[in-house]
C-alpha atoms as a PDB file:
ATOM      1  CA  MET A   1     232.254  44.787  24.531  1.00  0.00           C
ATOM      2  CA  THR A   2     234.213  42.459  22.284  1.00  0.00           C
ATOM      3  CA  PRO A   3     237.770  41.455  23.209  1.00  0.00           C
ATOM      4  CA  LEU A   4     240.177  42.979  20.701  1.00  0.00           C
ATOM      5  CA  PHE A   5     241.919  39.693  20.176  1.00  0.00           C
ATOM      6  CA  GLY A   6     238.874  38.070  18.633  1.00  0.00           C
ATOM      7  CA  GLY A   7     239.657  35.438  15.998  1.00  0.00           C
ATOM      8  CA  CYS A   8     239.191  37.136  12.613  1.00  0.00           C
ATOM      9  CA  ARG A   9     240.356  40.539  13.690  1.00  0.00           C
ATOM     10  CA  LEU A  10     243.875  39.181  14.272  1.00  0.00           C
ATOM     11  CA  GLN A  11     244.025  37.892  10.783  1.00  0.00           C
ATOM     12  CA  CYS A  12     242.230  40.778   9.002  1.00  0.00           C
ATOM     13  CA  MET A  13     243.327  43.926  10.762  1.00  0.00           C
ATOM     14  CA  GLY A  14     246.804  44.084   9.220  1.00  0.00           C
ATOM     15  CA  TYR A  15     249.573  45.778  11.235  1.00  0.00           C
ATOM     16  CA  ARG A  16     247.827  48.376  13.341  1.00  0.00           C
ATOM     17  CA  LEU A  17     249.876  48.486  16.500  1.00  0.00           C
ATOM     18  CA  GLY A  18     247.847  47.939  19.613  1.00  0.00           C
ATOM     19  CA  VAL A  19     248.364  50.152  22.673  1.00  0.00           C
ATOM     20  CA  LYS A  20     247.672  49.213  26.254  1.00  0.00           C
ATOM     21  CA  ILE A  21     247.769  51.869  28.999  1.00  0.00           C
ATOM     22  CA  CYS A  22     248.386  49.879  32.197  1.00  0.00           C
ATOM     23  CA  GLY A  23     247.919  50.631  35.868  1.00  0.00           C
ATOM     24  CA  VAL A  24     244.929  52.920  35.396  1.00  0.00           C
ATOM     25  CA  THR A  25     243.469  53.893  38.750  1.00  0.00           C
ATOM     26  CA  ASP A  26     240.650  56.394  38.047  1.00  0.00           C
ATOM     27  CA  GLU A  27     237.900  57.223  35.598  1.00  0.00           C
ATOM     28  CA  VAL A  28     239.469  60.363  34.258  1.00  0.00           C
ATOM     29  CA  ASP A  29     242.712  58.645  33.220  1.00  0.00           C
ATOM     30  CA  ALA A  30     240.726  55.834  31.656  1.00  0.00           C
ATOM     31  CA  LEU A  31     238.652  58.145  29.570  1.00  0.00           C
ATOM     32  CA  GLN A  32     241.714  60.209  28.525  1.00  0.00           C
ATOM     33  CA  ALA A  33     243.458  57.063  27.430  1.00  0.00           C
ATOM     34  CA  ALA A  34     240.471  55.990  25.427  1.00  0.00           C
ATOM     35  CA  GLU A  35     240.123  59.411  23.763  1.00  0.00           C
ATOM     36  CA  LEU A  36     243.753  59.393  22.803  1.00  0.00           C
ATOM     37  CA  GLY A  37     243.486  56.038  21.007  1.00  0.00           C
ATOM     38  CA  ALA A  38     244.353  53.354  23.482  1.00  0.00           C
ATOM     39  CA  ASP A  39     242.960  49.872  22.718  1.00  0.00           C
ATOM     40  CA  TRP A  40     243.160  48.451  26.277  1.00  0.00           C
ATOM     41  CA  ILE A  41     243.497  49.804  29.809  1.00  0.00           C
ATOM     42  CA  GLY A  42     245.111  47.625  32.473  1.00  0.00           C
ATOM     43  CA  LEU A  43     243.328  47.398  35.879  1.00  0.00           C
ATOM     44  CA  ASN A  44     245.807  46.134  38.499  1.00  0.00           C
ATOM     45  CA  PHE A  45     244.510  43.749  41.201  1.00  0.00           C
ATOM     46  CA  TYR A  46     247.941  43.018  42.654  1.00  0.00           C
ATOM     47  CA  GLU A  47     247.671  44.461  46.205  1.00  0.00           C
ATOM     48  CA  GLY A  48     251.476  45.001  46.400  1.00  0.00           C
ATOM     49  CA  SER A  49     251.387  47.476  43.511  1.00  0.00           C
ATOM     50  CA  PRO A  50     251.086  51.264  43.884  1.00  0.00           C
ATOM     51  CA  ARG A  51     248.547  50.971  41.035  1.00  0.00           C
ATOM     52  CA  TYR A  52     246.317  48.498  42.879  1.00  0.00           C
ATOM     53  CA  ILE A  53     242.548  49.130  42.705  1.00  0.00           C
ATOM     54  CA  THR A  54     239.659  47.372  44.340  1.00  0.00           C
ATOM     55  CA  PRO A  55     237.031  45.435  42.347  1.00  0.00           C
ATOM     56  CA  GLU A  56     234.498  48.165  43.236  1.00  0.00           C
ATOM     57  CA  LYS A  57     236.773  50.880  41.756  1.00  0.00           C
ATOM     58  CA  ALA A  58     237.487  48.713  38.710  1.00  0.00           C
ATOM     59  CA  GLU A  59     233.687  48.392  38.133  1.00  0.00           C
ATOM     60  CA  SER A  60     233.304  52.128  38.196  1.00  0.00           C
ATOM     61  CA  ILE A  61     236.144  52.610  35.675  1.00  0.00           C
ATOM     62  CA  MET A  62     234.855  49.896  33.406  1.00  0.00           C
ATOM     63  CA  HIS A  63     231.286  51.345  33.494  1.00  0.00           C
ATOM     64  CA  GLY A  64     232.450  54.555  31.882  1.00  0.00           C
ATOM     65  CA  LEU A  65     234.658  53.102  29.160  1.00  0.00           C
ATOM     66  CA  PRO A  66     233.728  53.348  25.456  1.00  0.00           C
ATOM     67  CA  ALA A  67     232.752  50.067  23.951  1.00  0.00           C
ATOM     68  CA  ALA A  68     235.882  50.055  21.698  1.00  0.00           C
ATOM     69  CA  VAL A  69     238.266  50.003  24.644  1.00  0.00           C
ATOM     70  CA  GLU A  70     238.883  46.672  26.420  1.00  0.00           C
ATOM     71  CA  PRO A  71     239.639  46.539  30.152  1.00  0.00           C
ATOM     72  CA  VAL A  72     242.263  43.981  31.130  1.00  0.00           C
ATOM     73  CA  GLY A  73     242.354  42.633  34.659  1.00  0.00           C
ATOM     74  CA  ILE A  74     245.959  42.140  35.865  1.00  0.00           C
ATOM     75  CA  PHE A  75     246.498  39.439  38.501  1.00  0.00           C
ATOM     76  CA  ILE A  76     249.117  37.373  40.210  1.00  0.00           C
ATOM     77  CA  LEU A  77     248.174  33.928  41.446  1.00  0.00           C
ATOM     78  CA  GLY A  78     246.933  34.715  44.917  1.00  0.00           C
ATOM     79  CA  GLU A  79     244.812  37.680  43.943  1.00  0.00           C
ATOM     80  CA  LEU A  80     243.275  35.812  40.955  1.00  0.00           C
ATOM     81  CA  ARG A  81     241.989  33.023  43.192  1.00  0.00           C
ATOM     82  CA  SER A  82     240.216  35.494  45.455  1.00  0.00           C
ATOM     83  CA  HIS A  83     238.652  37.324  42.474  1.00  0.00           C
ATOM     84  CA  LEU A  84     237.318  34.448  40.487  1.00  0.00           C
ATOM     85  CA  ASP A  85     233.727  35.487  41.235  1.00  0.00           C
ATOM     86  CA  PHE A  86     234.451  39.025  40.265  1.00  0.00           C
ATOM     87  CA  ILE A  87     235.557  38.175  36.697  1.00  0.00           C
ATOM     88  CA  PRO A  88     232.156  36.947  35.413  1.00  0.00           C
ATOM     89  CA  LYS A  89     230.114  39.185  37.742  1.00  0.00           C
ATOM     90  CA  PHE A  90     231.437  42.418  36.216  1.00  0.00           C
ATOM     91  CA  HIS A  91     231.892  40.916  32.746  1.00  0.00           C
ATOM     92  CA  LEU A  92     235.645  41.231  32.702  1.00  0.00           C
ATOM     93  CA  ARG A  93     236.577  39.516  29.465  1.00  0.00           C
ATOM     94  CA  THR A  94     240.366  39.715  29.318  1.00  0.00           C
ATOM     95  CA  ILE A  95     242.872  38.963  32.083  1.00  0.00           C
ATOM     96  CA  GLN A  96     246.652  39.116  32.319  1.00  0.00           C
ATOM     97  CA  LEU A  97     248.257  36.539  34.563  1.00  0.00           C
ATOM     98  CA  HIS A  98     251.694  36.847  36.287  1.00  0.00           C
ATOM     99  CA  GLU A  99     253.859  35.046  38.809  1.00  0.00           C
ATOM    100  CA  GLU A 100     254.868  31.818  37.117  1.00  0.00           C
ATOM    101  CA  ALA A 101     251.214  30.584  37.078  1.00  0.00           C
ATOM    102  CA  GLU A 102     251.323  28.976  33.637  1.00  0.00           C
ATOM    103  CA  ALA A 103     249.415  25.931  34.717  1.00  0.00           C
ATOM    104  CA  LEU A 104     246.557  28.013  36.070  1.00  0.00           C
ATOM    105  CA  ALA A 105     246.632  30.117  32.893  1.00  0.00           C
ATOM    106  CA  ARG A 106     246.130  27.005  30.811  1.00  0.00           C
ATOM    107  CA  ASP A 107     243.204  26.007  33.031  1.00  0.00           C
ATOM    108  CA  LEU A 108     241.634  29.487  32.509  1.00  0.00           C
ATOM    109  CA  ILE A 109     242.121  29.284  28.779  1.00  0.00           C
ATOM    110  CA  GLU A 110     240.382  25.908  28.685  1.00  0.00           C
ATOM    111  CA  ALA A 111     237.637  27.329  30.957  1.00  0.00           C
ATOM    112  CA  ARG A 112     236.442  29.307  27.961  1.00  0.00           C
ATOM    113  CA  THR A 113     234.797  26.110  26.829  1.00  0.00           C
ATOM    114  CA  SER A 114     234.897  23.835  29.865  1.00  0.00           C
ATOM    115  CA  PRO A 115     234.424  24.818  33.537  1.00  0.00           C
ATOM    116  CA  ARG A 116     237.067  22.420  34.963  1.00  0.00           C
ATOM    117  CA  LEU A 117     237.390  23.137  38.702  1.00  0.00           C
ATOM    118  CA  LEU A 118     237.271  26.916  38.419  1.00  0.00           C
ATOM    119  CA  LEU A 119     233.683  27.940  38.161  1.00  0.00           C
ATOM    120  CA  ALA A 120     230.271  26.405  37.898  1.00  0.00           C
ATOM    121  CA  LYS A 121     229.886  27.452  34.264  1.00  0.00           C
ATOM    122  CA  PRO A 122     232.266  28.135  31.347  1.00  0.00           C
ATOM    123  CA  LEU A 123     234.318  31.281  31.709  1.00  0.00           C
ATOM    124  CA  HIS A 124     234.453  33.171  28.353  1.00  0.00           C
ATOM    125  CA  ILE A 125     237.599  35.184  28.659  1.00  0.00           C
ATOM    126  CA  SER A 126     240.843  36.000  26.810  1.00  0.00           C
ATOM    127  CA  VAL A 127     244.029  35.180  28.713  1.00  0.00           C
ATOM    128  CA  ILE A 128     247.286  37.038  28.316  1.00  0.00           C
ATOM    129  CA  THR A 129     250.194  35.229  29.983  1.00  0.00           C
ATOM    130  CA  ALA A 130     253.013  37.551  31.150  1.00  0.00           C
ATOM    131  CA  PHE A 131     256.654  36.532  31.284  1.00  0.00           C
ATOM    132  CA  CYS A 132     259.718  38.313  32.613  1.00  0.00           C
ATOM    133  CA  VAL A 133     262.586  38.249  30.051  1.00  0.00           C
ATOM    134  CA  ALA A 134     266.260  39.001  30.537  1.00  0.00           C
ATOM    135  CA  GLU A 135     268.081  36.261  28.552  1.00  0.00           C
ATOM    136  CA  THR A 136     267.670  33.648  25.798  1.00  0.00           C
ATOM    137  CA  ASN A 137     266.636  30.965  28.243  1.00  0.00           C
ATOM    138  CA  ASP A 138     263.591  33.036  29.131  1.00  0.00           C
ATOM    139  CA  LEU A 139     262.398  32.876  25.527  1.00  0.00           C
ATOM    140  CA  LEU A 140     262.828  29.039  25.579  1.00  0.00           C
ATOM    141  CA  LYS A 141     260.513  28.998  28.632  1.00  0.00           C
ATOM    142  CA  ILE A 142     257.864  30.831  26.634  1.00  0.00           C
ATOM    143  CA  THR A 143     258.223  28.419  23.728  1.00  0.00           C
ATOM    144  CA  ALA A 144     257.941  25.449  26.077  1.00  0.00           C
ATOM    145  CA  TYR A 145     254.891  26.973  27.725  1.00  0.00           C
ATOM    146  CA  LEU A 146     253.033  27.403  24.429  1.00  0.00           C
ATOM    147  CA  LYS A 147     253.907  23.796  23.538  1.00  0.00           C
ATOM    148  CA  LYS A 148     252.360  22.624  26.817  1.00  0.00           C
ATOM    149  CA  CYS A 149     249.276  24.705  26.121  1.00  0.00           C
ATOM    150  CA  ARG A 150     248.824  22.949  22.753  1.00  0.00           C
ATOM    151  CA  GLN A 151     249.433  19.537  24.285  1.00  0.00           C
ATOM    152  CA  ALA A 152     246.900  20.154  27.058  1.00  0.00           C
ATOM    153  CA  ARG A 153     244.219  18.738  24.764  1.00  0.00           C
ATOM    154  CA  GLY A 154     246.550  16.315  23.055  1.00  0.00           C
ATOM    155  CA  ASP A 155     246.736  18.672  20.069  1.00  0.00           C
ATOM    156  CA  LEU A 156     250.397  17.771  19.337  1.00  0.00           C
ATOM    157  CA  PRO A 157     252.175  14.383  19.481  1.00  0.00           C
ATOM    158  CA  GLY A 158     255.409  14.202  21.366  1.00  0.00           C
ATOM    159  CA  SER A 159     257.440  12.409  24.012  1.00  0.00           C
ATOM    160  CA  ASP A 160     255.207  13.755  26.756  1.00  0.00           C
ATOM    161  CA  GLY A 161     252.021  13.698  24.760  1.00  0.00           C
ATOM    162  CA  PRO A 162     250.047  11.109  22.691  1.00  0.00           C
ATOM    163  CA  SER A 163     251.697   8.788  20.245  1.00  0.00           C
ATOM    164  CA  LEU A 164     251.588   9.860  16.643  1.00  0.00           C
ATOM    165  CA  ALA A 165     249.233   6.988  15.755  1.00  0.00           C
ATOM    166  CA  ALA A 166     246.781   7.909  18.622  1.00  0.00           C
ATOM    167  CA  TRP A 167     247.023  11.587  17.710  1.00  0.00           C
ATOM    168  CA  MET A 168     246.163  10.940  14.066  1.00  0.00           C
ATOM    169  CA  LYS A 169     242.984   9.055  15.082  1.00  0.00           C
ATOM    170  CA  LYS A 170     241.673  11.861  17.324  1.00  0.00           C
ATOM    171  CA  PRO A 171     239.308  14.540  15.984  1.00  0.00           C
ATOM    172  CA  ARG A 172     241.160  17.850  15.717  1.00  0.00           C
ATOM    173  CA  GLN A 173     240.380  20.310  18.507  1.00  0.00           C
ATOM    174  CA  LYS A 174     241.195  23.944  18.715  1.00  0.00           C
ATOM    175  CA  PRO A 175     244.507  24.308  20.566  1.00  0.00           C
ATOM    176  CA  ILE A 176     244.466  25.740  24.070  1.00  0.00           C
ATOM    177  CA  LEU A 177     246.632  28.800  23.563  1.00  0.00           C
ATOM    178  CA  PRO A 178     246.754  32.179  25.361  1.00  0.00           C
ATOM    179  CA  THR A 179     245.326  35.163  23.593  1.00  0.00           C
ATOM    180  CA  ALA A 180     248.768  36.717  23.676  1.00  0.00           C
ATOM    181  CA  ILE A 181     252.133  36.677  25.461  1.00  0.00           C
ATOM    182  CA  LEU A 182     253.240  39.805  27.243  1.00  0.00           C
ATOM    183  CA  VAL A 183     256.976  40.246  27.687  1.00  0.00           C
ATOM    184  CA  ASP A 184     258.129  42.453  30.566  1.00  0.00           C
ATOM    185  CA  ALA A 185     261.475  43.151  32.253  1.00  0.00           C
ATOM    186  CA  ARG A 186     262.662  41.003  35.069  1.00  0.00           C
ATOM    187  CA  VAL A 187     262.869  42.769  38.381  1.00  0.00           C
ATOM    188  CA  PRO A 188     262.836  40.433  41.439  1.00  0.00           C
ATOM    189  CA  GLY A 189     259.740  40.796  43.510  1.00  0.00           C
ATOM    190  CA  GLN A 190     257.941  43.137  41.172  1.00  0.00           C
ATOM    191  CA  PHE A 191     255.340  42.554  38.427  1.00  0.00           C
ATOM    192  CA  GLY A 192     255.562  45.425  35.933  1.00  0.00           C
ATOM    193  CA  GLY A 193     255.639  49.200  36.257  1.00  0.00           C
ATOM    194  CA  THR A 194     259.290  49.229  37.148  1.00  0.00           C
ATOM    195  CA  GLY A 195     260.575  51.416  34.339  1.00  0.00           C
ATOM    196  CA  LYS A 196     263.204  48.823  33.375  1.00  0.00           C
ATOM    197  CA  THR A 197     263.382  47.784  29.705  1.00  0.00           C
ATOM    198  CA  VAL A 198     263.515  44.322  28.184  1.00  0.00           C
ATOM    199  CA  PRO A 199     266.578  43.549  25.962  1.00  0.00           C
ATOM    200  CA  TRP A 200     264.919  44.484  22.680  1.00  0.00           C
ATOM    201  CA  ASP A 201     267.580  42.940  20.479  1.00  0.00           C
ATOM    202  CA  LEU A 202     266.877  39.609  22.157  1.00  0.00           C
ATOM    203  CA  LEU A 203     263.273  39.805  20.892  1.00  0.00           C
ATOM    204  CA  ALA A 204     264.089  40.922  17.394  1.00  0.00           C
ATOM    205  CA  ASP A 205     263.901  37.417  15.905  1.00  0.00           C
ATOM    206  CA  PHE A 206     261.476  35.933  18.417  1.00  0.00           C
ATOM    207  CA  LYS A 207     258.175  35.048  16.728  1.00  0.00           C
ATOM    208  CA  PRO A 208     255.877  33.162  19.051  1.00  0.00           C
ATOM    209  CA  GLU A 209     252.751  31.524  17.552  1.00  0.00           C
ATOM    210  CA  VAL A 210     250.527  34.021  19.344  1.00  0.00           C
ATOM    211  CA  PRO A 211     250.646  37.854  19.421  1.00  0.00           C
ATOM    212  CA  LEU A 212     253.491  39.417  21.445  1.00  0.00           C
ATOM    213  CA  ILE A 213     252.822  42.469  23.619  1.00  0.00           C
ATOM    214  CA  LEU A 214     255.976  44.375  24.581  1.00  0.00           C
ATOM    215  CA  ALA A 215     256.103  45.991  27.982  1.00  0.00           C
ATOM    216  CA  GLY A 216     258.891  47.086  30.280  1.00  0.00           C
ATOM    217  CA  GLY A 217     260.299  50.619  30.532  1.00  0.00           C
ATOM    218  CA  LEU A 218     258.602  52.042  27.451  1.00  0.00           C
ATOM    219  CA  THR A 219     258.258  55.813  27.208  1.00  0.00           C
ATOM    220  CA  PRO A 220     257.247  58.358  24.605  1.00  0.00           C
ATOM    221  CA  GLU A 221     260.989  58.816  23.955  1.00  0.00           C
ATOM    222  CA  ASN A 222     261.935  55.210  23.313  1.00  0.00           C
ATOM    223  CA  VAL A 223     258.809  53.469  22.074  1.00  0.00           C
ATOM    224  CA  ALA A 224     259.516  54.086  18.384  1.00  0.00           C
ATOM    225  CA  GLU A 225     262.962  52.391  18.718  1.00  0.00           C
ATOM    226  CA  ALA A 226     261.357  49.544  20.510  1.00  0.00           C
ATOM    227  CA  VAL A 227     258.671  49.028  17.915  1.00  0.00           C
ATOM    228  CA  HIS A 228     261.266  49.210  15.118  1.00  0.00           C
ATOM    229  CA  ILE A 229     263.409  46.504  16.673  1.00  0.00           C
ATOM    230  CA  VAL A 230     260.818  44.108  18.127  1.00  0.00           C
ATOM    231  CA  ARG A 231     257.863  44.668  15.816  1.00  0.00           C
ATOM    232  CA  PRO A 232     255.324  43.619  18.519  1.00  0.00           C
ATOM    233  CA  TYR A 233     251.616  43.161  18.030  1.00  0.00           C
ATOM    234  CA  ALA A 234     251.086  45.740  20.773  1.00  0.00           C
ATOM    235  CA  VAL A 235     252.966  47.835  23.311  1.00  0.00           C
ATOM    236  CA  ASP A 236     252.149  48.272  26.989  1.00  0.00           C
ATOM    237  CA  VAL A 237     253.065  51.246  29.191  1.00  0.00           C
ATOM    238  CA  ALA A 238     252.545  52.137  32.814  1.00  0.00           C
ATOM    239  CA  SER A 239     255.215  54.273  34.515  1.00  0.00           C
ATOM    240  CA  GLY A 240     256.381  55.795  31.224  1.00  0.00           C
ATOM    241  CA  VAL A 241     253.219  57.887  30.955  1.00  0.00           C
ATOM    242  CA  GLU A 242     252.730  58.873  34.568  1.00  0.00           C
ATOM    243  CA  SER A 243     253.138  62.034  36.605  1.00  0.00           C
ATOM    244  CA  SER A 244     253.285  59.806  39.707  1.00  0.00           C
ATOM    245  CA  PRO A 245     252.620  56.064  40.305  1.00  0.00           C
ATOM    246  CA  GLY A 246     249.013  55.360  39.210  1.00  0.00           C
ATOM    247  CA  HIS A 247     248.352  58.849  37.876  1.00  0.00           C
ATOM    248  CA  LYS A 248     248.598  59.191  34.133  1.00  0.00           C
ATOM    249  CA  ASP A 249     249.785  62.282  32.314  1.00  0.00           C
ATOM    250  CA  ALA A 250     247.614  63.043  29.254  1.00  0.00           C
ATOM    251  CA  GLU A 251     250.377  64.695  27.272  1.00  0.00           C
ATOM    252  CA  LYS A 252     252.742  61.761  27.821  1.00  0.00           C
ATOM    253  CA  MET A 253     250.001  59.326  26.810  1.00  0.00           C
ATOM    254  CA  LYS A 254     249.331  61.335  23.625  1.00  0.00           C
ATOM    255  CA  ARG A 255     252.969  61.395  22.656  1.00  0.00           C
ATOM    256  CA  PHE A 256     253.487  57.731  23.477  1.00  0.00           C
ATOM    257  CA  ILE A 257     250.515  56.595  21.274  1.00  0.00           C
ATOM    258  CA  GLU A 258     251.517  58.874  18.433  1.00  0.00           C
ATOM    259  CA  ASN A 259     255.201  57.856  18.445  1.00  0.00           C
ATOM    260  CA  ALA A 260     254.301  54.142  18.752  1.00  0.00           C
ATOM    261  CA  ARG A 261     251.833  54.192  15.876  1.00  0.00           C
ATOM    262  CA  GLU A 262     254.035  56.340  13.633  1.00  0.00           C
ATOM    263  CA  ALA A 263     256.872  53.897  14.135  1.00  0.00           C
ATOM    264  CA  ALA A 264     254.534  50.977  13.284  1.00  0.00           C
ATOM    265  CA  ASP A 265     253.361  52.818  10.143  1.00  0.00           C
ATOM    266  CA  ARG A 266     256.957  53.053   8.956  1.00  0.00           C
ATOM    267  CA  LEU A 267     257.225  49.275   9.033  1.00  0.00           C
ATOM    268  CA  GLN A 268     254.454  48.828   6.438  1.00  0.00           C
END
């Protein structure tokens, strides 16, 4: 199973909107999402969520997925530390990290080629870093985070990085950047699945240097407008396609995916 954010695919695929169905809790919903055209399914390892699943349940869901659909493990800081062995054991290749854990996210990104202090061997994963956005200052935090990621290997000169002269002498290295940035609504004490939308107009001119995934309160009824305004690389939905928390509605998933992709097609 190859992560959908693999190098050339980002450059060559054109604008085919990606769709992530998040908070999947059983095999039936996972397979329905796959059959309806989802690119990713989100498996939630945050124990405070109504969509939480155990590693054993996640393994069962992942085992039945078609090869074209990528599972994404969703963590906050505490749960991630307790699942570090699970990630390579079950070949989880993409994770989404929440809870102001940007420094750890950078370590995980670098762990794709260097083990650091995390594991005994390199960890070949894609990392999506999630941010809650409500105002312009939140976008500045994302930009600052991406800059720190690039400077983690001295890739950019700057006041808090190497001098220009030293930077010019160093061999160029691939920047340490997340696979994507996920933008969700800010709801104190919660990490997604709230049904609250992000201010889309705020994101209309926001073009980070990595793909942007739009989450937060998306539904079959509003996803087309969101895609038209934000023009994200992908959209992420949880509560907007559910019959109850953690239980997906096949008809809602179908309409969501169709409406999202039709809106993206109109942007061509």
